Amino acid sequence: MQMVVGLGNPGLSYEATRHNAGFMVLDLLADELGIDFNSSQHQALIGRGMVGERRVLLVKPQTYMNNSGRAVAPLARWYGIAPAEMVIVHDDLDLAPGRMRIRPAGSSGGHRGLQSIINALGTTAVPRLKIGIGRPQEGQNVVDYVLQPFSEDDWALVSPVLLKAARALRFLLEGGELEEAMNRFNIKP
């Protein structure tokens, strides 16, 4: 079984915000795969399905971003999923809007949701797919920035990347190698 985790915050007030890029990608992937988020387990909305012969678990933690590990680690233990069999999808301030990057491991880069997962799993060796949201303008608070919807200009850059991210995840779920996915789907500046 493989697990794809999209990070975001629950509730309608956060639905279209920059910080919910992970949820947005998972919703696109679920639609493409015909998987419904029809149950709740370990503080997460989950969707189960098949991609070819492979069982897939799509996860949207409902713990709020900074506590994502509280949902992800118990689900991983429950289903016997190793960190290498996961992909975490999240927003990234250090990537410009319109960019995306797949990585096999590494630090959280200051992303508190990812750090929560790293802490809960006890490893940085967790594949991730980062969606660029860019940095706020000088003087603008980072928390306020990530909790705002994309500007029209940024949305024009980000929306095609969300679709490309869903395609990259499908490629991985269909058995594609992580390194090949990085070569095929990472968007260079």
N, C-alpha and C. Protein backbone atom coordinates (compact mmCIF):
# COMPACT_ATOMS: atom_id res chain seq x y z
N MET A 1 0.85 -1.19 0.00
CA MET A 1 0.00 0.00 0.00
C MET A 1 0.89 1.24 0.00
N GLN A 2 0.44 2.24 -0.73
CA GLN A 2 1.12 3.53 -0.73
C GLN A 2 0.19 4.58 -0.15
N MET A 3 0.79 5.58 0.50
CA MET A 3 0.01 6.64 1.13
C MET A 3 0.47 7.98 0.58
N VAL A 4 -0.49 8.78 0.14
CA VAL A 4 -0.22 10.15 -0.30
C VAL A 4 -0.93 11.07 0.68
N VAL A 5 -0.17 11.99 1.27
CA VAL A 5 -0.70 12.90 2.28
C VAL A 5 -0.65 14.31 1.72
N GLY A 6 -1.79 14.97 1.66
CA GLY A 6 -1.85 16.37 1.29
C GLY A 6 -1.99 17.19 2.54
N LEU A 7 -1.16 18.21 2.70
CA LEU A 7 -1.22 19.04 3.90
C LEU A 7 -2.06 20.28 3.66
N GLY A 8 -2.78 20.66 4.71
CA GLY A 8 -3.62 21.84 4.67
C GLY A 8 -4.32 22.00 6.00
N ASN A 9 -5.24 22.94 6.04
CA ASN A 9 -6.06 23.19 7.22
C ASN A 9 -7.51 22.87 6.89
N PRO A 10 -8.24 22.23 7.82
CA PRO A 10 -9.63 21.90 7.55
C PRO A 10 -10.54 23.13 7.64
N GLY A 11 -11.67 23.04 6.97
CA GLY A 11 -12.68 24.09 7.07
C GLY A 11 -12.73 24.97 5.84
N LEU A 12 -13.93 25.49 5.57
CA LEU A 12 -14.16 26.32 4.39
C LEU A 12 -13.35 27.60 4.39
N SER A 13 -13.08 28.17 5.56
CA SER A 13 -12.35 29.44 5.60
C SER A 13 -10.90 29.29 5.11
N TYR A 14 -10.37 28.07 5.11
CA TYR A 14 -8.99 27.84 4.67
C TYR A 14 -8.91 27.20 3.28
N GLU A 15 -10.04 26.81 2.73
CA GLU A 15 -10.09 25.97 1.54
C GLU A 15 -9.24 26.47 0.37
N ALA A 16 -9.28 27.76 0.08
CA ALA A 16 -8.60 28.29 -1.11
C ALA A 16 -7.30 29.01 -0.76
N THR A 17 -6.76 28.78 0.43
CA THR A 17 -5.55 29.50 0.84
C THR A 17 -4.28 28.83 0.32
N ARG A 18 -3.20 29.59 0.31
CA ARG A 18 -1.91 29.09 -0.16
C ARG A 18 -1.47 27.85 0.63
N HIS A 19 -1.74 27.87 1.94
CA HIS A 19 -1.31 26.76 2.81
C HIS A 19 -2.05 25.46 2.49
N ASN A 20 -3.12 25.52 1.73
CA ASN A 20 -3.90 24.33 1.41
C ASN A 20 -3.57 23.75 0.03
N ALA A 21 -2.42 24.11 -0.51
CA ALA A 21 -2.02 23.57 -1.81
C ALA A 21 -1.99 22.04 -1.79
N GLY A 22 -1.57 21.45 -0.68
CA GLY A 22 -1.54 19.98 -0.58
C GLY A 22 -2.92 19.37 -0.68
N PHE A 23 -3.90 19.97 0.00
CA PHE A 23 -5.28 19.49 -0.10
C PHE A 23 -5.78 19.63 -1.54
N MET A 24 -5.44 20.75 -2.18
CA MET A 24 -5.90 20.99 -3.56
C MET A 24 -5.38 19.91 -4.50
N VAL A 25 -4.11 19.56 -4.38
CA VAL A 25 -3.54 18.52 -5.23
C VAL A 25 -4.21 17.18 -4.96
N LEU A 26 -4.43 16.86 -3.68
CA LEU A 26 -5.07 15.58 -3.36
C LEU A 26 -6.48 15.50 -3.90
N ASP A 27 -7.21 16.61 -3.85
CA ASP A 27 -8.56 16.61 -4.42
C ASP A 27 -8.53 16.34 -5.92
N LEU A 28 -7.58 16.94 -6.63
CA LEU A 28 -7.44 16.69 -8.07
C LEU A 28 -7.08 15.24 -8.34
N LEU A 29 -6.14 14.69 -7.56
CA LEU A 29 -5.74 13.30 -7.72
C LEU A 29 -6.90 12.36 -7.43
N ALA A 30 -7.63 12.62 -6.37
CA ALA A 30 -8.78 11.78 -6.01
C ALA A 30 -9.82 11.78 -7.13
N ASP A 31 -10.10 12.96 -7.69
CA ASP A 31 -11.05 13.04 -8.81
C ASP A 31 -10.57 12.21 -9.99
N GLU A 32 -9.29 12.34 -10.31
CA GLU A 32 -8.73 11.62 -11.44
C GLU A 32 -8.78 10.10 -11.23
N LEU A 33 -8.57 9.66 -9.99
CA LEU A 33 -8.55 8.23 -9.69
C LEU A 33 -9.91 7.67 -9.32
N GLY A 34 -10.92 8.55 -9.18
CA GLY A 34 -12.25 8.10 -8.77
C GLY A 34 -12.30 7.64 -7.33
N ILE A 35 -11.50 8.27 -6.48
CA ILE A 35 -11.47 7.93 -5.05
C ILE A 35 -12.18 9.02 -4.27
N ASP A 36 -13.06 8.62 -3.37
CA ASP A 36 -13.77 9.56 -2.51
C ASP A 36 -13.14 9.58 -1.13
N PHE A 37 -13.10 10.77 -0.54
CA PHE A 37 -12.71 10.90 0.87
C PHE A 37 -13.97 10.61 1.69
N ASN A 38 -14.24 9.34 1.88
CA ASN A 38 -15.52 8.95 2.45
C ASN A 38 -15.42 8.39 3.86
N SER A 39 -14.26 8.50 4.49
CA SER A 39 -14.19 8.06 5.89
C SER A 39 -13.16 8.89 6.63
N SER A 40 -13.22 8.75 7.94
CA SER A 40 -12.33 9.48 8.82
C SER A 40 -11.65 8.48 9.74
N GLN A 41 -10.37 8.66 9.93
CA GLN A 41 -9.62 7.74 10.79
C GLN A 41 -8.39 8.47 11.31
N HIS A 42 -8.07 8.30 12.56
CA HIS A 42 -6.88 8.90 13.17
C HIS A 42 -6.75 10.40 12.83
N GLN A 43 -7.84 11.13 13.00
CA GLN A 43 -7.88 12.57 12.79
C GLN A 43 -7.55 12.98 11.35
N ALA A 44 -7.99 12.17 10.40
CA ALA A 44 -7.75 12.50 8.99
C ALA A 44 -8.93 12.04 8.14
N LEU A 45 -9.19 12.77 7.07
CA LEU A 45 -10.10 12.29 6.03
C LEU A 45 -9.29 11.37 5.15
N ILE A 46 -9.84 10.22 4.83
CA ILE A 46 -9.10 9.27 4.01
C ILE A 46 -9.95 8.77 2.86
N GLY A 47 -9.26 8.45 1.79
CA GLY A 47 -9.87 7.81 0.63
C GLY A 47 -9.03 6.60 0.28
N ARG A 48 -9.71 5.48 0.05
CA ARG A 48 -9.01 4.25 -0.31
C ARG A 48 -9.37 3.89 -1.74
N GLY A 49 -8.40 3.33 -2.45
CA GLY A 49 -8.67 2.90 -3.81
C GLY A 49 -7.55 2.04 -4.35
N MET A 50 -7.66 1.75 -5.63
CA MET A 50 -6.66 0.94 -6.32
C MET A 50 -6.14 1.73 -7.51
N VAL A 51 -4.84 1.62 -7.74
CA VAL A 51 -4.22 2.12 -8.96
C VAL A 51 -3.51 0.91 -9.53
N GLY A 52 -4.10 0.33 -10.57
CA GLY A 52 -3.61 -0.94 -11.08
C GLY A 52 -3.80 -2.00 -10.01
N GLU A 53 -2.72 -2.66 -9.66
CA GLU A 53 -2.75 -3.71 -8.62
C GLU A 53 -2.39 -3.14 -7.25
N ARG A 54 -2.11 -1.87 -7.17
CA ARG A 54 -1.60 -1.25 -5.95
C ARG A 54 -2.71 -0.59 -5.14
N ARG A 55 -2.76 -0.92 -3.85
CA ARG A 55 -3.70 -0.25 -2.95
C ARG A 55 -3.15 1.12 -2.58
N VAL A 56 -4.03 2.11 -2.55
CA VAL A 56 -3.64 3.49 -2.33
C VAL A 56 -4.49 4.08 -1.21
N LEU A 57 -3.84 4.84 -0.35
CA LEU A 57 -4.52 5.57 0.72
C LEU A 57 -4.22 7.05 0.54
N LEU A 58 -5.26 7.85 0.31
CA LEU A 58 -5.11 9.30 0.20
C LEU A 58 -5.53 9.89 1.54
N VAL A 59 -4.73 10.82 2.06
CA VAL A 59 -4.92 11.32 3.42
C VAL A 59 -4.89 12.84 3.46
N LYS A 60 -5.91 13.42 4.12
CA LYS A 60 -5.94 14.85 4.40
C LYS A 60 -6.08 15.01 5.91
N PRO A 61 -4.96 15.25 6.63
CA PRO A 61 -5.03 15.43 8.08
C PRO A 61 -5.99 16.56 8.45
N GLN A 62 -6.74 16.36 9.51
CA GLN A 62 -7.70 17.36 9.99
C GLN A 62 -7.23 17.98 11.31
N THR A 63 -5.95 17.88 11.58
CA THR A 63 -5.35 18.33 12.84
C THR A 63 -4.87 19.77 12.78
N TYR A 64 -5.08 20.43 11.68
CA TYR A 64 -4.48 21.70 11.34
C TYR A 64 -3.01 21.45 11.01
N MET A 65 -2.51 22.30 10.16
CA MET A 65 -1.20 22.10 9.53
C MET A 65 -0.09 21.73 10.51
N ASN A 66 0.07 22.51 11.56
CA ASN A 66 1.24 22.35 12.42
C ASN A 66 1.24 21.05 13.23
N ASN A 67 0.14 20.33 13.23
CA ASN A 67 0.05 19.06 13.97
C ASN A 67 -0.21 17.88 13.05
N SER A 68 0.19 17.98 11.80
CA SER A 68 -0.10 16.94 10.82
C SER A 68 0.45 15.57 11.21
N GLY A 69 1.56 15.53 11.92
CA GLY A 69 2.15 14.27 12.35
C GLY A 69 1.24 13.47 13.26
N ARG A 70 0.35 14.15 13.98
CA ARG A 70 -0.60 13.45 14.87
C ARG A 70 -1.57 12.55 14.10
N ALA A 71 -1.79 12.85 12.85
CA ALA A 71 -2.65 12.01 12.01
C ALA A 71 -1.81 11.04 11.18
N VAL A 72 -0.71 11.52 10.62
CA VAL A 72 0.06 10.73 9.67
C VAL A 72 0.73 9.52 10.32
N ALA A 73 1.40 9.72 11.44
CA ALA A 73 2.13 8.61 12.08
C ALA A 73 1.21 7.48 12.52
N PRO A 74 0.07 7.77 13.20
CA PRO A 74 -0.82 6.66 13.56
C PRO A 74 -1.40 5.92 12.35
N LEU A 75 -1.70 6.65 11.27
CA LEU A 75 -2.19 5.98 10.06
C LEU A 75 -1.11 5.09 9.46
N ALA A 76 0.12 5.58 9.42
CA ALA A 76 1.22 4.78 8.88
C ALA A 76 1.39 3.50 9.69
N ARG A 77 1.32 3.62 11.01
CA ARG A 77 1.45 2.42 11.85
C ARG A 77 0.27 1.47 11.64
N TRP A 78 -0.94 2.01 11.59
CA TRP A 78 -2.16 1.20 11.45
C TRP A 78 -2.12 0.37 10.16
N TYR A 79 -1.69 1.01 9.07
CA TYR A 79 -1.67 0.34 7.77
C TYR A 79 -0.33 -0.31 7.43
N GLY A 80 0.65 -0.18 8.31
CA GLY A 80 1.97 -0.77 8.06
C GLY A 80 2.71 -0.14 6.90
N ILE A 81 2.61 1.18 6.79
CA ILE A 81 3.23 1.91 5.68
C ILE A 81 4.53 2.55 6.16
N ALA A 82 5.62 2.24 5.49
CA ALA A 82 6.92 2.82 5.81
C ALA A 82 7.01 4.24 5.24
N PRO A 83 7.83 5.09 5.85
CA PRO A 83 7.98 6.46 5.32
C PRO A 83 8.34 6.50 3.83
N ALA A 84 9.13 5.55 3.35
CA ALA A 84 9.51 5.53 1.93
C ALA A 84 8.33 5.22 1.02
N GLU A 85 7.23 4.70 1.58
CA GLU A 85 6.03 4.38 0.80
C GLU A 85 5.01 5.52 0.84
N MET A 86 5.42 6.68 1.31
CA MET A 86 4.55 7.86 1.40
C MET A 86 5.06 8.94 0.46
N VAL A 87 4.17 9.86 0.15
CA VAL A 87 4.56 11.13 -0.45
C VAL A 87 3.76 12.20 0.28
N ILE A 88 4.46 13.21 0.79
CA ILE A 88 3.81 14.33 1.46
C ILE A 88 3.74 15.48 0.47
N VAL A 89 2.56 16.05 0.26
CA VAL A 89 2.37 17.16 -0.67
C VAL A 89 2.10 18.41 0.15
N HIS A 90 2.93 19.45 -0.06
CA HIS A 90 2.78 20.66 0.75
C HIS A 90 3.22 21.90 -0.01
N ASP A 91 2.81 23.04 0.51
CA ASP A 91 3.21 24.33 -0.03
C ASP A 91 4.65 24.62 0.39
N ASP A 92 5.33 25.49 -0.37
CA ASP A 92 6.71 25.84 -0.06
C ASP A 92 6.95 27.31 -0.35
N LEU A 93 7.30 28.05 0.70
CA LEU A 93 7.58 29.48 0.58
C LEU A 93 8.82 29.77 -0.26
N ASP A 94 9.77 28.84 -0.27
CA ASP A 94 11.03 29.07 -0.95
C ASP A 94 11.00 28.77 -2.45
N LEU A 95 9.88 28.29 -2.93
CA LEU A 95 9.70 28.09 -4.37
C LEU A 95 8.72 29.14 -4.87
N ALA A 96 9.03 29.73 -6.00
CA ALA A 96 8.15 30.74 -6.58
C ALA A 96 6.86 30.10 -7.07
N PRO A 97 5.77 30.85 -7.08
CA PRO A 97 4.54 30.33 -7.68
C PRO A 97 4.81 29.86 -9.12
N GLY A 98 4.28 28.72 -9.47
CA GLY A 98 4.52 28.16 -10.79
C GLY A 98 5.63 27.12 -10.79
N ARG A 99 6.24 26.88 -9.63
CA ARG A 99 7.30 25.87 -9.53
C ARG A 99 6.83 24.73 -8.64
N MET A 100 7.44 23.58 -8.86
CA MET A 100 7.14 22.39 -8.09
C MET A 100 8.42 21.58 -8.01
N ARG A 101 8.59 20.88 -6.90
CA ARG A 101 9.80 20.08 -6.74
C ARG A 101 9.47 18.81 -5.96
N ILE A 102 9.93 17.68 -6.48
CA ILE A 102 9.82 16.40 -5.81
C ILE A 102 11.19 16.11 -5.19
N ARG A 103 11.18 15.68 -3.94
CA ARG A 103 12.42 15.35 -3.25
C ARG A 103 12.23 14.03 -2.49
N PRO A 104 13.30 13.21 -2.41
CA PRO A 104 13.18 11.92 -1.72
C PRO A 104 13.27 12.04 -0.20
N ALA A 105 13.87 13.14 0.31
CA ALA A 105 14.11 13.28 1.75
C ALA A 105 14.62 14.68 2.01
N GLY A 106 14.91 14.96 3.27
CA GLY A 106 15.52 16.24 3.63
C GLY A 106 14.86 16.88 4.82
N SER A 107 15.36 18.03 5.17
CA SER A 107 14.81 18.75 6.31
C SER A 107 13.43 19.30 5.96
N SER A 108 12.79 19.87 6.95
CA SER A 108 11.47 20.46 6.73
C SER A 108 11.56 21.81 6.05
N GLY A 109 12.74 22.42 6.04
CA GLY A 109 12.87 23.75 5.46
C GLY A 109 12.05 24.80 6.19
N GLY A 110 11.72 24.53 7.45
CA GLY A 110 10.92 25.46 8.24
C GLY A 110 9.42 25.25 8.11
N HIS A 111 8.98 24.29 7.30
CA HIS A 111 7.55 24.02 7.15
C HIS A 111 7.08 23.23 8.37
N ARG A 112 6.23 23.82 9.16
CA ARG A 112 5.85 23.22 10.44
C ARG A 112 5.01 21.95 10.29
N GLY A 113 4.20 21.88 9.26
CA GLY A 113 3.43 20.66 9.03
C GLY A 113 4.34 19.49 8.69
N LEU A 114 5.30 19.73 7.81
CA LEU A 114 6.26 18.70 7.45
C LEU A 114 7.13 18.34 8.65
N GLN A 115 7.53 19.34 9.44
CA GLN A 115 8.34 19.07 10.63
C GLN A 115 7.58 18.21 11.62
N SER A 116 6.29 18.44 11.76
CA SER A 116 5.47 17.62 12.65
C SER A 116 5.47 16.16 12.21
N ILE A 117 5.41 15.94 10.91
CA ILE A 117 5.44 14.57 10.36
C ILE A 117 6.81 13.94 10.57
N ILE A 118 7.86 14.69 10.30
CA ILE A 118 9.22 14.19 10.50
C ILE A 118 9.43 13.80 11.97
N ASN A 119 8.98 14.65 12.87
CA ASN A 119 9.12 14.35 14.31
C ASN A 119 8.33 13.10 14.68
N ALA A 120 7.10 12.99 14.19
CA ALA A 120 6.24 11.85 14.55
C ALA A 120 6.75 10.53 13.97
N LEU A 121 7.35 10.59 12.77
CA LEU A 121 7.87 9.37 12.14
C LEU A 121 9.30 9.06 12.56
N GLY A 122 10.01 10.08 13.06
CA GLY A 122 11.38 9.88 13.49
C GLY A 122 12.38 9.77 12.36
N THR A 123 12.06 10.35 11.21
CA THR A 123 12.98 10.30 10.06
C THR A 123 12.71 11.47 9.11
N THR A 124 13.77 11.90 8.44
CA THR A 124 13.63 12.91 7.38
C THR A 124 13.52 12.24 6.02
N ALA A 125 13.62 10.91 5.98
CA ALA A 125 13.59 10.15 4.73
C ALA A 125 12.15 9.89 4.30
N VAL A 126 11.43 10.97 4.06
CA VAL A 126 10.04 10.90 3.63
C VAL A 126 9.94 11.65 2.30
N PRO A 127 9.59 10.98 1.21
CA PRO A 127 9.43 11.69 -0.06
C PRO A 127 8.38 12.80 0.05
N ARG A 128 8.63 13.88 -0.68
CA ARG A 128 7.68 14.99 -0.65
C ARG A 128 7.61 15.67 -2.00
N LEU A 129 6.47 16.29 -2.24
CA LEU A 129 6.22 17.07 -3.44
C LEU A 129 5.86 18.46 -2.97
N LYS A 130 6.66 19.44 -3.35
CA LYS A 130 6.50 20.81 -2.88
C LYS A 130 5.87 21.66 -3.96
N ILE A 131 4.89 22.45 -3.58
CA ILE A 131 4.21 23.38 -4.48
C ILE A 131 4.65 24.80 -4.12
N GLY A 132 5.24 25.51 -5.06
CA GLY A 132 5.72 26.86 -4.79
C GLY A 132 4.59 27.85 -4.58
N ILE A 133 4.70 28.59 -3.48
CA ILE A 133 3.73 29.66 -3.21
C ILE A 133 4.42 31.02 -3.10
N GLY A 134 5.77 31.03 -3.12
CA GLY A 134 6.51 32.28 -3.03
C GLY A 134 6.49 32.87 -1.63
N ARG A 135 7.26 33.89 -1.46
CA ARG A 135 7.38 34.58 -0.17
C ARG A 135 6.50 35.83 -0.15
N PRO A 136 6.08 36.23 1.04
CA PRO A 136 5.30 37.48 1.14
C PRO A 136 6.16 38.69 0.83
N GLN A 137 5.51 39.78 0.53
CA GLN A 137 6.23 41.03 0.31
C GLN A 137 6.86 41.47 1.62
N GLU A 138 7.90 42.27 1.51
CA GLU A 138 8.58 42.76 2.71
C GLU A 138 7.59 43.46 3.64
N GLY A 139 7.67 43.11 4.91
CA GLY A 139 6.77 43.70 5.90
C GLY A 139 5.48 42.93 6.12
N GLN A 140 5.17 42.00 5.22
CA GLN A 140 3.95 41.21 5.36
C GLN A 140 4.24 39.99 6.24
N ASN A 141 3.34 39.70 7.15
CA ASN A 141 3.48 38.58 8.06
C ASN A 141 3.33 37.26 7.29
N VAL A 142 4.25 36.31 7.55
CA VAL A 142 4.24 35.02 6.85
C VAL A 142 2.96 34.25 7.13
N VAL A 143 2.51 34.23 8.39
CA VAL A 143 1.29 33.48 8.74
C VAL A 143 0.09 34.05 7.99
N ASP A 144 -0.02 35.36 7.98
CA ASP A 144 -1.13 35.99 7.24
C ASP A 144 -1.05 35.63 5.76
N TYR A 145 0.16 35.65 5.21
CA TYR A 145 0.36 35.36 3.80
C TYR A 145 -0.09 33.95 3.43
N VAL A 146 0.34 32.95 4.18
CA VAL A 146 0.00 31.57 3.81
C VAL A 146 -1.48 31.27 4.02
N LEU A 147 -2.13 32.06 4.87
CA LEU A 147 -3.56 31.83 5.14
C LEU A 147 -4.46 32.70 4.27
N GLN A 148 -3.89 33.34 3.25
CA GLN A 148 -4.67 34.11 2.28
C GLN A 148 -4.82 33.31 0.99
N PRO A 149 -5.90 33.55 0.26
CA PRO A 149 -6.02 32.93 -1.07
C PRO A 149 -4.92 33.46 -2.01
N PHE A 150 -4.65 32.69 -3.05
CA PHE A 150 -3.70 33.14 -4.07
C PHE A 150 -4.23 34.39 -4.75
N SER A 151 -3.33 35.30 -5.10
CA SER A 151 -3.73 36.43 -5.93
C SER A 151 -4.09 35.88 -7.31
N GLU A 152 -4.78 36.68 -8.11
CA GLU A 152 -5.13 36.22 -9.47
C GLU A 152 -3.89 35.88 -10.29
N ASP A 153 -2.86 36.72 -10.18
CA ASP A 153 -1.62 36.47 -10.93
C ASP A 153 -0.95 35.18 -10.48
N ASP A 154 -0.88 34.98 -9.15
CA ASP A 154 -0.27 33.75 -8.63
C ASP A 154 -1.11 32.53 -8.99
N TRP A 155 -2.43 32.66 -8.94
CA TRP A 155 -3.30 31.52 -9.27
C TRP A 155 -3.08 31.07 -10.71
N ALA A 156 -2.87 32.04 -11.60
CA ALA A 156 -2.62 31.70 -13.01
C ALA A 156 -1.35 30.86 -13.14
N LEU A 157 -0.38 31.08 -12.28
CA LEU A 157 0.86 30.31 -12.29
C LEU A 157 0.72 28.98 -11.55
N VAL A 158 -0.04 28.97 -10.45
CA VAL A 158 -0.11 27.80 -9.58
C VAL A 158 -1.09 26.75 -10.09
N SER A 159 -2.21 27.14 -10.64
CA SER A 159 -3.23 26.15 -11.01
C SER A 159 -2.71 25.09 -11.98
N PRO A 160 -1.91 25.43 -13.02
CA PRO A 160 -1.38 24.35 -13.86
C PRO A 160 -0.40 23.44 -13.12
N VAL A 161 0.30 23.99 -12.13
CA VAL A 161 1.25 23.20 -11.34
C VAL A 161 0.50 22.18 -10.48
N LEU A 162 -0.66 22.56 -9.95
CA LEU A 162 -1.46 21.62 -9.16
C LEU A 162 -1.86 20.42 -10.01
N LEU A 163 -2.24 20.67 -11.26
CA LEU A 163 -2.59 19.57 -12.18
C LEU A 163 -1.37 18.71 -12.49
N LYS A 164 -0.24 19.35 -12.71
CA LYS A 164 0.99 18.61 -12.99
C LYS A 164 1.39 17.78 -11.77
N ALA A 165 1.20 18.31 -10.58
CA ALA A 165 1.52 17.57 -9.35
C ALA A 165 0.65 16.32 -9.25
N ALA A 166 -0.63 16.45 -9.57
CA ALA A 166 -1.53 15.28 -9.53
C ALA A 166 -1.06 14.23 -10.53
N ARG A 167 -0.62 14.66 -11.72
CA ARG A 167 -0.09 13.71 -12.71
C ARG A 167 1.18 13.03 -12.21
N ALA A 168 2.06 13.79 -11.55
CA ALA A 168 3.29 13.23 -11.00
C ALA A 168 2.98 12.18 -9.94
N LEU A 169 2.01 12.46 -9.09
CA LEU A 169 1.62 11.49 -8.06
C LEU A 169 1.05 10.23 -8.69
N ARG A 170 0.24 10.41 -9.71
CA ARG A 170 -0.31 9.23 -10.39
C ARG A 170 0.81 8.39 -11.00
N PHE A 171 1.79 9.05 -11.59
CA PHE A 171 2.95 8.35 -12.15
C PHE A 171 3.62 7.51 -11.06
N LEU A 172 3.83 8.09 -9.89
CA LEU A 172 4.45 7.35 -8.78
C LEU A 172 3.57 6.20 -8.32
N LEU A 173 2.27 6.43 -8.22
CA LEU A 173 1.34 5.39 -7.76
C LEU A 173 1.24 4.24 -8.76
N GLU A 174 1.50 4.54 -10.02
CA GLU A 174 1.47 3.50 -11.05
C GLU A 174 2.78 2.73 -11.12
N GLY A 175 3.71 3.02 -10.20
CA GLY A 175 4.96 2.27 -10.13
C GLY A 175 6.17 2.99 -10.64
N GLY A 176 6.00 4.26 -11.04
CA GLY A 176 7.15 5.03 -11.51
C GLY A 176 8.15 5.26 -10.39
N GLU A 177 9.42 5.31 -10.76
CA GLU A 177 10.49 5.53 -9.78
C GLU A 177 10.56 7.01 -9.39
N LEU A 178 10.92 7.26 -8.14
CA LEU A 178 11.01 8.62 -7.63
C LEU A 178 12.01 9.46 -8.42
N GLU A 179 13.17 8.90 -8.73
CA GLU A 179 14.18 9.65 -9.47
C GLU A 179 13.68 10.02 -10.87
N GLU A 180 12.98 9.11 -11.51
CA GLU A 180 12.42 9.42 -12.82
C GLU A 180 11.34 10.50 -12.71
N ALA A 181 10.54 10.44 -11.66
CA ALA A 181 9.51 11.47 -11.43
C ALA A 181 10.17 12.83 -11.23
N MET A 182 11.29 12.86 -10.51
CA MET A 182 12.01 14.12 -10.31
C MET A 182 12.48 14.67 -11.65
N ASN A 183 13.02 13.80 -12.50
CA ASN A 183 13.50 14.25 -13.81
C ASN A 183 12.38 14.69 -14.73
N ARG A 184 11.25 14.03 -14.64
CA ARG A 184 10.13 14.33 -15.55
C ARG A 184 9.28 15.51 -15.10
N PHE A 185 9.10 15.66 -13.79
CA PHE A 185 8.09 16.59 -13.30
C PHE A 185 8.61 17.81 -12.55
N ASN A 186 9.84 17.77 -12.03
CA ASN A 186 10.34 18.96 -11.34
C ASN A 186 10.37 20.12 -12.31
N ILE A 187 9.83 21.24 -11.89
CA ILE A 187 9.76 22.43 -12.76
C ILE A 187 10.95 23.31 -12.42
N LYS A 188 11.82 23.47 -13.39
CA LYS A 188 13.02 24.26 -13.21
C LYS A 188 12.68 25.75 -13.42
N PRO A 189 13.49 26.62 -12.81
CA PRO A 189 13.21 28.07 -13.01
C PRO A 189 13.49 28.50 -14.44
